[in-house]
Amino acid sequence: MGWMVTRSRCEAALMMFRMETKDRCFAKKVRYHSRKNLAEQRPRVKGQFVSQKLKSATTADAETYS
């Protein structure tokens, strides 16, 4: 009789686990919109953040080699 109770609990737990795994969302989402806004405003060179001084130097170098 005891094994029936544990088996039904096990089956219920497995069913809940399978339902939860179906509902998981691994899509990319932004948690802090303020951080995203600041990151979008910062200057970048090849996708990396740079300081204002470095940005002007790299753009000047790029213009001389063009």
C-alpha atoms as a PDB file:
ATOM      1  CA  MET A   1       0.000   0.000   0.000  1.00  0.00           C
ATOM      2  CA  GLY A   2       2.870   2.353   0.789  1.00  0.00           C
ATOM      3  CA  TRP A   3       4.454   1.895  -2.615  1.00  0.00           C
ATOM      4  CA  MET A   4       1.210   3.046  -4.295  1.00  0.00           C
ATOM      5  CA  VAL A   5       1.319   6.364  -2.430  1.00  0.00           C
ATOM      6  CA  THR A   6       4.955   6.992  -3.284  1.00  0.00           C
ATOM      7  CA  ARG A   7       4.415   5.959  -6.901  1.00  0.00           C
ATOM      8  CA  SER A   8       1.471   8.322  -7.340  1.00  0.00           C
ATOM      9  CA  ARG A   9       3.482  11.142  -5.746  1.00  0.00           C
ATOM     10  CA  CYS A  10       6.374  10.391  -8.060  1.00  0.00           C
ATOM     11  CA  GLU A  11       4.130  10.393 -11.120  1.00  0.00           C
ATOM     12  CA  ALA A  12       2.537  13.679 -10.031  1.00  0.00           C
ATOM     13  CA  ALA A  13       5.947  15.258  -9.492  1.00  0.00           C
ATOM     14  CA  LEU A  14       7.146  14.058 -12.905  1.00  0.00           C
ATOM     15  CA  MET A  15       4.033  15.415 -14.557  1.00  0.00           C
ATOM     16  CA  MET A  16       4.541  18.814 -12.885  1.00  0.00           C
ATOM     17  CA  PHE A  17       8.206  18.820 -13.949  1.00  0.00           C
ATOM     18  CA  ARG A  18       7.306  18.091 -17.558  1.00  0.00           C
ATOM     19  CA  MET A  19       4.687  20.850 -17.571  1.00  0.00           C
ATOM     20  CA  GLU A  20       7.171  23.340 -16.147  1.00  0.00           C
ATOM     21  CA  THR A  21       9.807  22.484 -18.740  1.00  0.00           C
ATOM     22  CA  LYS A  22       7.309  23.183 -21.525  1.00  0.00           C
ATOM     23  CA  ASP A  23       6.576  26.639 -20.086  1.00  0.00           C
ATOM     24  CA  ARG A  24      10.222  27.748 -19.805  1.00  0.00           C
ATOM     25  CA  CYS A  25      11.156  30.684 -21.962  1.00  0.00           C
ATOM     26  CA  PHE A  26      14.788  31.049 -23.012  1.00  0.00           C
ATOM     27  CA  ALA A  27      14.159  34.071 -25.187  1.00  0.00           C
ATOM     28  CA  LYS A  28      16.355  37.099 -24.702  1.00  0.00           C
ATOM     29  CA  LYS A  29      14.717  39.721 -22.514  1.00  0.00           C
ATOM     30  CA  VAL A  30      15.875  42.977 -20.986  1.00  0.00           C
ATOM     31  CA  ARG A  31      15.621  43.112 -17.212  1.00  0.00           C
ATOM     32  CA  TYR A  32      16.717  46.703 -16.670  1.00  0.00           C
ATOM     33  CA  HIS A  33      15.588  49.096 -19.375  1.00  0.00           C
ATOM     34  CA  SER A  34      17.521  51.984 -17.826  1.00  0.00           C
ATOM     35  CA  ARG A  35      20.786  50.059 -18.272  1.00  0.00           C
ATOM     36  CA  LYS A  36      19.862  49.246 -21.868  1.00  0.00           C
ATOM     37  CA  ASN A  37      19.176  52.907 -22.625  1.00  0.00           C
ATOM     38  CA  LEU A  38      22.540  53.950 -21.164  1.00  0.00           C
ATOM     39  CA  ALA A  39      24.354  51.245 -23.114  1.00  0.00           C
ATOM     40  CA  GLU A  40      22.724  52.351 -26.357  1.00  0.00           C
ATOM     41  CA  GLN A  41      23.913  55.926 -25.774  1.00  0.00           C
ATOM     42  CA  ARG A  42      27.560  55.025 -25.074  1.00  0.00           C
ATOM     43  CA  PRO A  43      30.005  55.260 -27.973  1.00  0.00           C
ATOM     44  CA  ARG A  44      31.228  51.993 -29.473  1.00  0.00           C
ATOM     45  CA  VAL A  45      33.960  50.879 -31.825  1.00  0.00           C
ATOM     46  CA  LYS A  46      33.430  47.458 -33.397  1.00  0.00           C
ATOM     47  CA  GLY A  47      30.751  46.740 -30.815  1.00  0.00           C
ATOM     48  CA  GLN A  48      32.901  47.504 -27.757  1.00  0.00           C
ATOM     49  CA  PHE A  49      32.400  50.456 -25.457  1.00  0.00           C
ATOM     50  CA  VAL A  50      35.078  53.142 -25.740  1.00  0.00           C
ATOM     51  CA  SER A  51      35.747  56.469 -24.056  1.00  0.00           C
ATOM     52  CA  GLN A  52      35.175  59.698 -25.956  1.00  0.00           C
ATOM     53  CA  LYS A  53      38.942  60.283 -26.350  1.00  0.00           C
ATOM     54  CA  LEU A  54      39.492  56.808 -27.743  1.00  0.00           C
ATOM     55  CA  LYS A  55      36.545  57.134 -30.083  1.00  0.00           C
ATOM     56  CA  SER A  56      37.880  60.308 -31.677  1.00  0.00           C
ATOM     57  CA  ALA A  57      41.363  58.763 -32.018  1.00  0.00           C
ATOM     58  CA  THR A  58      40.086  55.615 -33.710  1.00  0.00           C
ATOM     59  CA  THR A  59      37.857  57.510 -36.111  1.00  0.00           C
ATOM     60  CA  ALA A  60      40.787  59.773 -37.008  1.00  0.00           C
ATOM     61  CA  ASP A  61      42.975  56.707 -37.619  1.00  0.00           C
ATOM     62  CA  ALA A  62      40.295  55.145 -39.760  1.00  0.00           C
ATOM     63  CA  GLU A  63      40.040  58.305 -41.865  1.00  0.00           C
ATOM     64  CA  THR A  64      43.797  58.457 -42.473  1.00  0.00           C
ATOM     65  CA  TYR A  65      43.924  54.867 -43.699  1.00  0.00           C
ATOM     66  CA  SER A  66      40.909  55.221 -45.980  1.00  0.00           C
END
